[in-house]
Amino acid sequence: MADPRLRQLTIKTGVVKRLTKEKSVCEKEVVTEQKRLERFKGEGADEHVLNKQQEVISECFMMLPDTLRRLKKELEALEKFLLDEEELKETKEYETALQVVNDAKEVLAKTD
């Protein structure tokens, strides 16, 4: 990987891939914590426990907009990089980046 552009491409691809996964994990965590809250309610848990669980859910919700904002920003940067460096099209890193872009767009489409 002598070309520094390939290194940049690999880094940018990794960032988008990580943020895509982070967004999915945050969404799953919200669902999990909501189920846990319902279970606590069904078991007649203490009011303090219910309030704490509601706080956990609120924190999960607060993480989503920031993760979404960062994902959109980094995805845009990666797409611009791919357009600017089209001569790298024949590389494995370029193909990987295109796949990560498509995956991120699918995740974002589910949000809208």
PDB file of N, CA and C in Angstrom:
ATOM      1  N   MET A   1       0.852  -1.175   0.000  1.00  0.00           N
ATOM      2  CA  MET A   1       0.000   0.000   0.000  1.00  0.00           C
ATOM      3  C   MET A   1       0.898   1.237   0.000  1.00  0.00           C
ATOM      4  N   ALA A   2       1.648   1.403  -1.058  1.00  0.00           N
ATOM      5  CA  ALA A   2       2.598   2.502  -1.162  1.00  0.00           C
ATOM      6  C   ALA A   2       1.892   3.838  -1.405  1.00  0.00           C
ATOM      7  N   ASP A   3       0.771   3.811  -2.082  1.00  0.00           N
ATOM      8  CA  ASP A   3       0.041   5.034  -2.413  1.00  0.00           C
ATOM      9  C   ASP A   3      -0.666   5.575  -1.163  1.00  0.00           C
ATOM     10  N   PRO A   4      -0.351   6.797  -0.750  1.00  0.00           N
ATOM     11  CA  PRO A   4      -0.988   7.361   0.452  1.00  0.00           C
ATOM     12  C   PRO A   4      -2.498   7.553   0.278  1.00  0.00           C
ATOM     13  N   ARG A   5      -2.948   7.644  -0.956  1.00  0.00           N
ATOM     14  CA  ARG A   5      -4.391   7.774  -1.191  1.00  0.00           C
ATOM     15  C   ARG A   5      -5.125   6.493  -0.792  1.00  0.00           C
ATOM     16  N   LEU A   6      -4.478   5.349  -0.983  1.00  0.00           N
ATOM     17  CA  LEU A   6      -5.100   4.086  -0.576  1.00  0.00           C
ATOM     18  C   LEU A   6      -5.237   4.019   0.943  1.00  0.00           C
ATOM     19  N   ARG A   7      -4.242   4.525   1.628  1.00  0.00           N
ATOM     20  CA  ARG A   7      -4.311   4.567   3.097  1.00  0.00           C
ATOM     21  C   ARG A   7      -5.468   5.461   3.548  1.00  0.00           C
ATOM     22  N   GLN A   8      -5.591   6.634   2.931  1.00  0.00           N
ATOM     23  CA  GLN A   8      -6.692   7.550   3.257  1.00  0.00           C
ATOM     24  C   GLN A   8      -8.036   6.895   2.966  1.00  0.00           C
ATOM     25  N   LEU A   9      -8.110   6.205   1.842  1.00  0.00           N
ATOM     26  CA  LEU A   9      -9.347   5.528   1.461  1.00  0.00           C
ATOM     27  C   LEU A   9      -9.709   4.453   2.478  1.00  0.00           C
ATOM     28  N   THR A  10      -8.711   3.700   2.916  1.00  0.00           N
ATOM     29  CA  THR A  10      -8.939   2.653   3.912  1.00  0.00           C
ATOM     30  C   THR A  10      -9.433   3.251   5.226  1.00  0.00           C
ATOM     31  N   ILE A  11      -8.844   4.350   5.641  1.00  0.00           N
ATOM     32  CA  ILE A  11      -9.246   5.013   6.884  1.00  0.00           C
ATOM     33  C   ILE A  11     -10.679   5.527   6.772  1.00  0.00           C
ATOM     34  N   LYS A  12     -10.973   6.230   5.692  1.00  0.00           N
ATOM     35  CA  LYS A  12     -12.317   6.788   5.509  1.00  0.00           C
ATOM     36  C   LYS A  12     -13.364   5.673   5.423  1.00  0.00           C
ATOM     37  N   THR A  13     -13.019   4.595   4.764  1.00  0.00           N
ATOM     38  CA  THR A  13     -13.930   3.455   4.660  1.00  0.00           C
ATOM     39  C   THR A  13     -14.195   2.860   6.044  1.00  0.00           C
ATOM     40  N   GLY A  14     -13.148   2.717   6.835  1.00  0.00           N
ATOM     41  CA  GLY A  14     -13.290   2.176   8.184  1.00  0.00           C
ATOM     42  C   GLY A  14     -14.173   3.042   9.067  1.00  0.00           C
ATOM     43  N   VAL A  15     -14.045   4.351   8.932  1.00  0.00           N
ATOM     44  CA  VAL A  15     -14.854   5.274   9.732  1.00  0.00           C
ATOM     45  C   VAL A  15     -16.330   5.116   9.386  1.00  0.00           C
ATOM     46  N   VAL A  16     -16.643   5.088   8.109  1.00  0.00           N
ATOM     47  CA  VAL A  16     -18.045   4.948   7.688  1.00  0.00           C
ATOM     48  C   VAL A  16     -18.597   3.585   8.125  1.00  0.00           C
ATOM     49  N   LYS A  17     -17.791   2.562   7.984  1.00  0.00           N
ATOM     50  CA  LYS A  17     -18.217   1.214   8.385  1.00  0.00           C
ATOM     51  C   LYS A  17     -18.513   1.168   9.888  1.00  0.00           C
ATOM     52  N   ARG A  18     -17.638   1.769  10.689  1.00  0.00           N
ATOM     53  CA  ARG A  18     -17.831   1.786  12.144  1.00  0.00           C
ATOM     54  C   ARG A  18     -19.081   2.576  12.532  1.00  0.00           C
ATOM     55  N   LEU A  19     -19.289   3.729  11.911  1.00  0.00           N
ATOM     56  CA  LEU A  19     -20.454   4.546  12.239  1.00  0.00           C
ATOM     57  C   LEU A  19     -21.756   3.882  11.792  1.00  0.00           C
ATOM     58  N   THR A  20     -21.714   3.160  10.686  1.00  0.00           N
ATOM     59  CA  THR A  20     -22.894   2.423  10.238  1.00  0.00           C
ATOM     60  C   THR A  20     -23.255   1.361  11.267  1.00  0.00           C
ATOM     61  N   LYS A  21     -22.254   0.654  11.745  1.00  0.00           N
ATOM     62  CA  LYS A  21     -22.483  -0.371  12.752  1.00  0.00           C
ATOM     63  C   LYS A  21     -22.956   0.259  14.061  1.00  0.00           C
ATOM     64  N   GLU A  22     -22.355   1.378  14.436  1.00  0.00           N
ATOM     65  CA  GLU A  22     -22.731   2.066  15.677  1.00  0.00           C
ATOM     66  C   GLU A  22     -24.197   2.481  15.643  1.00  0.00           C
ATOM     67  N   LYS A  23     -24.666   2.986  14.508  1.00  0.00           N
ATOM     68  CA  LYS A  23     -26.064   3.396  14.382  1.00  0.00           C
ATOM     69  C   LYS A  23     -26.980   2.196  14.563  1.00  0.00           C
ATOM     70  N   SER A  24     -26.649   1.089  13.933  1.00  0.00           N
ATOM     71  CA  SER A  24     -27.467  -0.114  14.050  1.00  0.00           C
ATOM     72  C   SER A  24     -27.493  -0.630  15.489  1.00  0.00           C
ATOM     73  N   VAL A  25     -26.353  -0.600  16.139  1.00  0.00           N
ATOM     74  CA  VAL A  25     -26.263  -1.067  17.524  1.00  0.00           C
ATOM     75  C   VAL A  25     -27.100  -0.175  18.443  1.00  0.00           C
ATOM     76  N   CYS A  26     -27.049   1.139  18.229  1.00  0.00           N
ATOM     77  CA  CYS A  26     -27.843   2.070  19.044  1.00  0.00           C
ATOM     78  C   CYS A  26     -29.335   1.775  18.900  1.00  0.00           C
ATOM     79  N   GLU A  27     -29.770   1.544  17.681  1.00  0.00           N
ATOM     80  CA  GLU A  27     -31.185   1.255  17.446  1.00  0.00           C
ATOM     81  C   GLU A  27     -31.601  -0.046  18.121  1.00  0.00           C
ATOM     82  N   LYS A  28     -30.764  -1.063  18.035  1.00  0.00           N
ATOM     83  CA  LYS A  28     -31.067  -2.342  18.684  1.00  0.00           C
ATOM     84  C   LYS A  28     -31.098  -2.188  20.198  1.00  0.00           C
ATOM     85  N   GLU A  29     -30.199  -1.365  20.722  1.00  0.00           N
ATOM     86  CA  GLU A  29     -30.138  -1.150  22.161  1.00  0.00           C
ATOM     87  C   GLU A  29     -31.416  -0.479  22.663  1.00  0.00           C
ATOM     88  N   VAL A  30     -31.951   0.470  21.901  1.00  0.00           N
ATOM     89  CA  VAL A  30     -33.199   1.129  22.288  1.00  0.00           C
ATOM     90  C   VAL A  30     -34.316   0.091  22.397  1.00  0.00           C
ATOM     91  N   VAL A  31     -34.423  -0.783  21.406  1.00  0.00           N
ATOM     92  CA  VAL A  31     -35.462  -1.815  21.415  1.00  0.00           C
ATOM     93  C   VAL A  31     -35.276  -2.748  22.613  1.00  0.00           C
ATOM     94  N   THR A  32     -34.046  -3.165  22.850  1.00  0.00           N
ATOM     95  CA  THR A  32     -33.754  -4.061  23.976  1.00  0.00           C
ATOM     96  C   THR A  32     -34.130  -3.424  25.303  1.00  0.00           C
ATOM     97  N   GLU A  33     -33.745  -2.171  25.481  1.00  0.00           N
ATOM     98  CA  GLU A  33     -34.025  -1.483  26.748  1.00  0.00           C
ATOM     99  C   GLU A  33     -35.520  -1.227  26.930  1.00  0.00           C
ATOM    100  N   GLN A  34     -36.239  -0.986  25.837  1.00  0.00           N
ATOM    101  CA  GLN A  34     -37.688  -0.797  25.942  1.00  0.00           C
ATOM    102  C   GLN A  34     -38.368  -2.104  26.353  1.00  0.00           C
ATOM    103  N   LYS A  35     -37.892  -3.212  25.813  1.00  0.00           N
ATOM    104  CA  LYS A  35     -38.437  -4.515  26.217  1.00  0.00           C
ATOM    105  C   LYS A  35     -38.167  -4.777  27.694  1.00  0.00           C
ATOM    106  N   ARG A  36     -36.969  -4.401  28.118  1.00  0.00           N
ATOM    107  CA  ARG A  36     -36.615  -4.579  29.524  1.00  0.00           C
ATOM    108  C   ARG A  36     -37.537  -3.742  30.414  1.00  0.00           C
ATOM    109  N   LEU A  37     -37.840  -2.508  29.998  1.00  0.00           N
ATOM    110  CA  LEU A  37     -38.743  -1.644  30.764  1.00  0.00           C
ATOM    111  C   LEU A  37     -40.133  -2.273  30.852  1.00  0.00           C
ATOM    112  N   GLU A  38     -40.619  -2.805  29.750  1.00  0.00           N
ATOM    113  CA  GLU A  38     -41.933  -3.461  29.760  1.00  0.00           C
ATOM    114  C   GLU A  38     -41.929  -4.668  30.696  1.00  0.00           C
ATOM    115  N   ARG A  39     -40.841  -5.412  30.679  1.00  0.00           N
ATOM    116  CA  ARG A  39     -40.730  -6.567  31.572  1.00  0.00           C
ATOM    117  C   ARG A  39     -40.753  -6.122  33.030  1.00  0.00           C
ATOM    118  N   PHE A  40     -40.017  -5.046  33.331  1.00  0.00           N
ATOM    119  CA  PHE A  40     -40.009  -4.514  34.698  1.00  0.00           C
ATOM    120  C   PHE A  40     -41.406  -4.081  35.118  1.00  0.00           C
ATOM    121  N   LYS A  41     -42.117  -3.414  34.206  1.00  0.00           N
ATOM    122  CA  LYS A  41     -43.480  -2.974  34.517  1.00  0.00           C
ATOM    123  C   LYS A  41     -44.380  -4.176  34.787  1.00  0.00           C
ATOM    124  N   GLY A  42     -44.225  -5.210  33.970  1.00  0.00           N
ATOM    125  CA  GLY A  42     -45.025  -6.421  34.137  1.00  0.00           C
ATOM    126  C   GLY A  42     -44.735  -7.133  35.448  1.00  0.00           C
ATOM    127  N   GLU A  43     -43.504  -7.024  35.910  1.00  0.00           N
ATOM    128  CA  GLU A  43     -43.118  -7.664  37.167  1.00  0.00           C
ATOM    129  C   GLU A  43     -43.455  -6.800  38.370  1.00  0.00           C
ATOM    130  N   GLY A  44     -43.939  -5.583  38.110  1.00  0.00           N
ATOM    131  CA  GLY A  44     -44.285  -4.678  39.213  1.00  0.00           C
ATOM    132  C   GLY A  44     -43.051  -4.141  39.926  1.00  0.00           C
ATOM    133  N   ALA A  45     -42.043  -3.775  39.139  1.00  0.00           N
ATOM    134  CA  ALA A  45     -40.792  -3.291  39.723  1.00  0.00           C
ATOM    135  C   ALA A  45     -40.999  -1.956  40.446  1.00  0.00           C
ATOM    136  N   ASP A  46     -40.057  -1.665  41.304  1.00  0.00           N
ATOM    137  CA  ASP A  46     -40.052  -0.425  42.075  1.00  0.00           C
ATOM    138  C   ASP A  46     -40.027   0.791  41.141  1.00  0.00           C
ATOM    139  N   GLU A  47     -40.634   1.889  41.571  1.00  0.00           N
ATOM    140  CA  GLU A  47     -40.695   3.114  40.760  1.00  0.00           C
ATOM    141  C   GLU A  47     -39.297   3.632  40.428  1.00  0.00           C
ATOM    142  N   HIS A  48     -38.374   3.505  41.361  1.00  0.00           N
ATOM    143  CA  HIS A  48     -36.997   3.954  41.141  1.00  0.00           C
ATOM    144  C   HIS A  48     -36.355   3.168  39.987  1.00  0.00           C
ATOM    145  N   VAL A  49     -36.563   1.871  39.961  1.00  0.00           N
ATOM    146  CA  VAL A  49     -36.013   1.021  38.900  1.00  0.00           C
ATOM    147  C   VAL A  49     -36.604   1.413  37.554  1.00  0.00           C
ATOM    148  N   LEU A  50     -37.901   1.671  37.520  1.00  0.00           N
ATOM    149  CA  LEU A  50     -38.567   2.077  36.276  1.00  0.00           C
ATOM    150  C   LEU A  50     -38.024   3.418  35.779  1.00  0.00           C
ATOM    151  N   ASN A  51     -37.824   4.358  36.713  1.00  0.00           N
ATOM    152  CA  ASN A  51     -37.282   5.663  36.323  1.00  0.00           C
ATOM    153  C   ASN A  51     -35.867   5.533  35.774  1.00  0.00           C
ATOM    154  N   LYS A  52     -35.055   4.713  36.413  1.00  0.00           N
ATOM    155  CA  LYS A  52     -33.680   4.510  35.937  1.00  0.00           C
ATOM    156  C   LYS A  52     -33.681   3.861  34.551  1.00  0.00           C
ATOM    157  N   GLN A  53     -34.569   2.925  34.347  1.00  0.00           N
ATOM    158  CA  GLN A  53     -34.648   2.271  33.038  1.00  0.00           C
ATOM    159  C   GLN A  53     -35.088   3.276  31.977  1.00  0.00           C
ATOM    160  N   GLN A  54     -35.996   4.162  32.331  1.00  0.00           N
ATOM    161  CA  GLN A  54     -36.432   5.198  31.394  1.00  0.00           C
ATOM    162  C   GLN A  54     -35.266   6.136  31.057  1.00  0.00           C
ATOM    163  N   GLU A  55     -34.403   6.415  32.036  1.00  0.00           N
ATOM    164  CA  GLU A  55     -33.212   7.233  31.791  1.00  0.00           C
ATOM    165  C   GLU A  55     -32.273   6.543  30.792  1.00  0.00           C
ATOM    166  N   VAL A  56     -32.117   5.236  30.951  1.00  0.00           N
ATOM    167  CA  VAL A  56     -31.265   4.473  30.040  1.00  0.00           C
ATOM    168  C   VAL A  56     -31.804   4.580  28.609  1.00  0.00           C
ATOM    169  N   ILE A  57     -33.107   4.449  28.464  1.00  0.00           N
ATOM    170  CA  ILE A  57     -33.727   4.551  27.133  1.00  0.00           C
ATOM    171  C   ILE A  57     -33.520   5.947  26.566  1.00  0.00           C
ATOM    172  N   SER A  58     -33.677   6.961  27.391  1.00  0.00           N
ATOM    173  CA  SER A  58     -33.483   8.346  26.939  1.00  0.00           C
ATOM    174  C   SER A  58     -32.052   8.572  26.460  1.00  0.00           C
ATOM    175  N   GLU A  59     -31.084   8.031  27.183  1.00  0.00           N
ATOM    176  CA  GLU A  59     -29.683   8.166  26.776  1.00  0.00           C
ATOM    177  C   GLU A  59     -29.431   7.481  25.435  1.00  0.00           C
ATOM    178  N   CYS A  60     -30.040   6.333  25.235  1.00  0.00           N
ATOM    179  CA  CYS A  60     -29.889   5.629  23.958  1.00  0.00           C
ATOM    180  C   CYS A  60     -30.462   6.476  22.821  1.00  0.00           C
ATOM    181  N   PHE A  61     -31.623   7.073  23.055  1.00  0.00           N
ATOM    182  CA  PHE A  61     -32.243   7.927  22.043  1.00  0.00           C
ATOM    183  C   PHE A  61     -31.384   9.150  21.751  1.00  0.00           C
ATOM    184  N   MET A  62     -30.738   9.697  22.767  1.00  0.00           N
ATOM    185  CA  MET A  62     -29.917  10.892  22.578  1.00  0.00           C
ATOM    186  C   MET A  62     -28.679  10.592  21.727  1.00  0.00           C
ATOM    187  N   MET A  63     -28.194   9.375  21.763  1.00  0.00           N
ATOM    188  CA  MET A  63     -27.014   9.008  20.989  1.00  0.00           C
ATOM    189  C   MET A  63     -27.324   8.888  19.494  1.00  0.00           C
ATOM    190  N   LEU A  64     -28.551   8.549  19.155  1.00  0.00           N
ATOM    191  CA  LEU A  64     -28.905   8.314  17.753  1.00  0.00           C
ATOM    192  C   LEU A  64     -28.711   9.527  16.848  1.00  0.00           C
ATOM    193  N   PRO A  65     -29.221  10.719  17.189  1.00  0.00           N
ATOM    194  CA  PRO A  65     -29.045  11.853  16.266  1.00  0.00           C
ATOM    195  C   PRO A  65     -27.578  12.205  16.012  1.00  0.00           C
ATOM    196  N   ASP A  66     -26.745  12.123  17.039  1.00  0.00           N
ATOM    197  CA  ASP A  66     -25.331  12.438  16.868  1.00  0.00           C
ATOM    198  C   ASP A  66     -24.653  11.408  15.972  1.00  0.00           C
ATOM    199  N   THR A  67     -24.954  10.155  16.192  1.00  0.00           N
ATOM    200  CA  THR A  67     -24.386   9.097  15.365  1.00  0.00           C
ATOM    201  C   THR A  67     -24.839   9.252  13.911  1.00  0.00           C
ATOM    202  N   LEU A  68     -26.096   9.575  13.735  1.00  0.00           N
ATOM    203  CA  LEU A  68     -26.641   9.777  12.389  1.00  0.00           C
ATOM    204  C   LEU A  68     -25.968  10.961  11.701  1.00  0.00           C
ATOM    205  N   ARG A  69     -25.776  12.045  12.413  1.00  0.00           N
ATOM    206  CA  ARG A  69     -25.126  13.240  11.864  1.00  0.00           C
ATOM    207  C   ARG A  69     -23.694  12.919  11.439  1.00  0.00           C
ATOM    208  N   ARG A  70     -22.960  12.238  12.316  1.00  0.00           N
ATOM    209  CA  ARG A  70     -21.571  11.884  11.993  1.00  0.00           C
ATOM    210  C   ARG A  70     -21.494  10.920  10.816  1.00  0.00           C
ATOM    211  N   LEU A  71     -22.419   9.969  10.758  1.00  0.00           N
ATOM    212  CA  LEU A  71     -22.436   9.015   9.652  1.00  0.00           C
ATOM    213  C   LEU A  71     -22.672   9.741   8.331  1.00  0.00           C
ATOM    214  N   LYS A  72     -23.642  10.633   8.291  1.00  0.00           N
ATOM    215  CA  LYS A  72     -23.924  11.375   7.057  1.00  0.00           C
ATOM    216  C   LYS A  72     -22.712  12.194   6.623  1.00  0.00           C
ATOM    217  N   LYS A  73     -22.064  12.840   7.590  1.00  0.00           N
ATOM    218  CA  LYS A  73     -20.898  13.684   7.284  1.00  0.00           C
ATOM    219  C   LYS A  73     -19.756  12.841   6.710  1.00  0.00           C
ATOM    220  N   GLU A  74     -19.449  11.726   7.354  1.00  0.00           N
ATOM    221  CA  GLU A  74     -18.338  10.881   6.912  1.00  0.00           C
ATOM    222  C   GLU A  74     -18.666  10.150   5.609  1.00  0.00           C
ATOM    223  N   LEU A  75     -19.920   9.790   5.426  1.00  0.00           N
ATOM    224  CA  LEU A  75     -20.325   9.157   4.173  1.00  0.00           C
ATOM    225  C   LEU A  75     -20.145  10.132   3.012  1.00  0.00           C
ATOM    226  N   GLU A  76     -20.541  11.360   3.230  1.00  0.00           N
ATOM    227  CA  GLU A  76     -20.366  12.396   2.205  1.00  0.00           C
ATOM    228  C   GLU A  76     -18.877  12.580   1.869  1.00  0.00           C
ATOM    229  N   ALA A  77     -18.037  12.598   2.899  1.00  0.00           N
ATOM    230  CA  ALA A  77     -16.592  12.758   2.686  1.00  0.00           C
ATOM    231  C   ALA A  77     -16.027  11.572   1.894  1.00  0.00           C
ATOM    232  N   LEU A  78     -16.472  10.369   2.223  1.00  0.00           N
ATOM    233  CA  LEU A  78     -15.997   9.183   1.508  1.00  0.00           C
ATOM    234  C   LEU A  78     -16.463   9.208   0.051  1.00  0.00           C
ATOM    235  N   GLU A  79     -17.697   9.575  -0.184  1.00  0.00           N
ATOM    236  CA  GLU A  79     -18.198   9.638  -1.556  1.00  0.00           C
ATOM    237  C   GLU A  79     -17.423  10.673  -2.377  1.00  0.00           C
ATOM    238  N   LYS A  80     -17.136  11.811  -1.784  1.00  0.00           N
ATOM    239  CA  LYS A  80     -16.361  12.843  -2.471  1.00  0.00           C
ATOM    240  C   LYS A  80     -14.960  12.313  -2.796  1.00  0.00           C
ATOM    241  N   PHE A  81     -14.340  11.643  -1.827  1.00  0.00           N
ATOM    242  CA  PHE A  81     -13.015  11.073  -2.034  1.00  0.00           C
ATOM    243  C   PHE A  81     -13.043  10.070  -3.194  1.00  0.00           C
ATOM    244  N   LEU A  82     -14.073   9.240  -3.239  1.00  0.00           N
ATOM    245  CA  LEU A  82     -14.177   8.252  -4.318  1.00  0.00           C
ATOM    246  C   LEU A  82     -14.313   8.933  -5.674  1.00  0.00           C
ATOM    247  N   LEU A  83     -15.060  10.012  -5.720  1.00  0.00           N
ATOM    248  CA  LEU A  83     -15.195  10.750  -6.983  1.00  0.00           C
ATOM    249  C   LEU A  83     -13.885  11.403  -7.397  1.00  0.00           C
ATOM    250  N   ASP A  84     -13.169  11.953  -6.419  1.00  0.00           N
ATOM    251  CA  ASP A  84     -11.911  12.637  -6.711  1.00  0.00           C
ATOM    252  C   ASP A  84     -10.788  11.671  -7.103  1.00  0.00           C
ATOM    253  N   GLU A  85     -10.876  10.453  -6.634  1.00  0.00           N
ATOM    254  CA  GLU A  85      -9.794   9.477  -6.853  1.00  0.00           C
ATOM    255  C   GLU A  85     -10.264   8.295  -7.699  1.00  0.00           C
ATOM    256  N   GLU A  86     -10.948   8.579  -8.785  1.00  0.00           N
ATOM    257  CA  GLU A  86     -11.481   7.507  -9.623  1.00  0.00           C
ATOM    258  C   GLU A  86     -10.403   6.637 -10.254  1.00  0.00           C
ATOM    259  N   GLU A  87      -9.182   7.138 -10.339  1.00  0.00           N
ATOM    260  CA  GLU A  87      -8.118   6.314 -10.929  1.00  0.00           C
ATOM    261  C   GLU A  87      -7.751   5.122 -10.035  1.00  0.00           C
ATOM    262  N   LEU A  88      -8.275   5.100  -8.823  1.00  0.00           N
ATOM    263  CA  LEU A  88      -8.053   3.957  -7.927  1.00  0.00           C
ATOM    264  C   LEU A  88      -9.107   2.857  -8.113  1.00  0.00           C
ATOM    265  N   LYS A  89      -9.975   3.025  -9.088  1.00  0.00           N
ATOM    266  CA  LYS A  89     -11.108   2.119  -9.307  1.00  0.00           C
ATOM    267  C   LYS A  89     -10.727   0.644  -9.360  1.00  0.00           C
ATOM    268  N   GLU A  90      -9.561   0.354  -9.841  1.00  0.00           N
ATOM    269  CA  GLU A  90      -9.145  -1.037 -10.026  1.00  0.00           C
ATOM    270  C   GLU A  90      -8.629  -1.688  -8.741  1.00  0.00           C
ATOM    271  N   THR A  91      -8.582  -0.954  -7.656  1.00  0.00           N
ATOM    272  CA  THR A  91      -8.025  -1.500  -6.414  1.00  0.00           C
ATOM    273  C   THR A  91      -9.098  -2.174  -5.562  1.00  0.00           C
ATOM    274  N   LYS A  92      -8.633  -3.081  -4.743  1.00  0.00           N
ATOM    275  CA  LYS A  92      -9.517  -3.781  -3.804  1.00  0.00           C
ATOM    276  C   LYS A  92     -10.113  -2.792  -2.803  1.00  0.00           C
ATOM    277  N   GLU A  93      -9.317  -1.827  -2.371  1.00  0.00           N
ATOM    278  CA  GLU A  93      -9.775  -0.838  -1.397  1.00  0.00           C
ATOM    279  C   GLU A  93     -10.929  -0.003  -1.940  1.00  0.00           C
ATOM    280  N   TYR A  94     -10.864   0.333  -3.212  1.00  0.00           N
ATOM    281  CA  TYR A  94     -11.926   1.121  -3.847  1.00  0.00           C
ATOM    282  C   TYR A  94     -13.228   0.322  -3.870  1.00  0.00           C
ATOM    283  N   GLU A  95     -13.127  -0.953  -4.242  1.00  0.00           N
ATOM    284  CA  GLU A  95     -14.305  -1.827  -4.275  1.00  0.00           C
ATOM    285  C   GLU A  95     -14.915  -1.978  -2.882  1.00  0.00           C
ATOM    286  N   THR A  96     -14.067  -2.146  -1.879  1.00  0.00           N
ATOM    287  CA  THR A  96     -14.537  -2.246  -0.508  1.00  0.00           C
ATOM    288  C   THR A  96     -15.254  -0.963  -0.095  1.00  0.00           C
ATOM    289  N   ALA A  97     -14.683   0.168  -0.455  1.00  0.00           N
ATOM    290  CA  ALA A  97     -15.283   1.457  -0.114  1.00  0.00           C
ATOM    291  C   ALA A  97     -16.656   1.595  -0.758  1.00  0.00           C
ATOM    292  N   LEU A  98     -16.791   1.180  -2.007  1.00  0.00           N
ATOM    293  CA  LEU A  98     -18.097   1.256  -2.674  1.00  0.00           C
ATOM    294  C   LEU A  98     -19.135   0.399  -1.950  1.00  0.00           C
ATOM    295  N   GLN A  99     -18.725  -0.774  -1.501  1.00  0.00           N
ATOM    296  CA  GLN A  99     -19.651  -1.650  -0.775  1.00  0.00           C
ATOM    297  C   GLN A  99     -20.068  -1.014   0.549  1.00  0.00           C
ATOM    298  N   VAL A 100     -19.122  -0.409   1.247  1.00  0.00           N
ATOM    299  CA  VAL A 100     -19.420   0.253   2.527  1.00  0.00           C
ATOM    300  C   VAL A 100     -20.361   1.432   2.298  1.00  0.00           C
ATOM    301  N   VAL A 101     -20.149   2.177   1.219  1.00  0.00           N
ATOM    302  CA  VAL A 101     -21.041   3.296   0.881  1.00  0.00           C
ATOM    303  C   VAL A 101     -22.460   2.780   0.662  1.00  0.00           C
ATOM    304  N   ASN A 102     -22.591   1.703  -0.096  1.00  0.00           N
ATOM    305  CA  ASN A 102     -23.923   1.132  -0.353  1.00  0.00           C
ATOM    306  C   ASN A 102     -24.581   0.643   0.928  1.00  0.00           C
ATOM    307  N   ASP A 103     -23.819  -0.003   1.794  1.00  0.00           N
ATOM    308  CA  ASP A 103     -24.355  -0.476   3.073  1.00  0.00           C
ATOM    309  C   ASP A 103     -24.825   0.696   3.930  1.00  0.00           C
ATOM    310  N   ALA A 104     -24.022   1.754   3.978  1.00  0.00           N
ATOM    311  CA  ALA A 104     -24.376   2.930   4.775  1.00  0.00           C
ATOM    312  C   ALA A 104     -25.638   3.593   4.233  1.00  0.00           C
ATOM    313  N   LYS A 105     -25.757   3.653   2.924  1.00  0.00           N
ATOM    314  CA  LYS A 105     -26.952   4.256   2.317  1.00  0.00           C
ATOM    315  C   LYS A 105     -28.201   3.445   2.646  1.00  0.00           C
ATOM    316  N   GLU A 106     -28.065   2.120   2.682  1.00  0.00           N
ATOM    317  CA  GLU A 106     -29.202   1.265   3.056  1.00  0.00           C
ATOM    318  C   GLU A 106     -29.634   1.552   4.486  1.00  0.00           C
ATOM    319  N   VAL A 107     -28.669   1.674   5.384  1.00  0.00           N
ATOM    320  CA  VAL A 107     -28.967   1.956   6.792  1.00  0.00           C
ATOM    321  C   VAL A 107     -29.622   3.328   6.917  1.00  0.00           C
ATOM    322  N   LEU A 108     -29.116   4.295   6.194  1.00  0.00           N
ATOM    323  CA  LEU A 108     -29.698   5.639   6.240  1.00  0.00           C
ATOM    324  C   LEU A 108     -31.097   5.663   5.627  1.00  0.00           C
ATOM    325  N   ALA A 109     -31.340   4.869   4.615  1.00  0.00           N
ATOM    326  CA  ALA A 109     -32.661   4.819   3.981  1.00  0.00           C
ATOM    327  C   ALA A 109     -33.716   4.314   4.954  1.00  0.00           C
ATOM    328  N   LYS A 110     -33.328   3.423   5.844  1.00  0.00           N
ATOM    329  CA  LYS A 110     -34.256   2.902   6.851  1.00  0.00           C
ATOM    330  C   LYS A 110     -34.625   3.976   7.874  1.00  0.00           C
ATOM    331  N   THR A 111     -33.753   4.980   8.008  1.00  0.00           N
ATOM    332  CA  THR A 111     -33.975   6.050   8.974  1.00  0.00           C
ATOM    333  C   THR A 111     -34.999   7.048   8.468  1.00  0.00           C
ATOM    334  N   ASP A 112     -34.928   7.341   7.169  1.00  0.00           N
ATOM    335  CA  ASP A 112     -35.803   8.370   6.605  1.00  0.00           C
ATOM    336  C   ASP A 112     -37.230   7.972   6.508  1.00  0.00           C
TER     337      ASP A 112
END
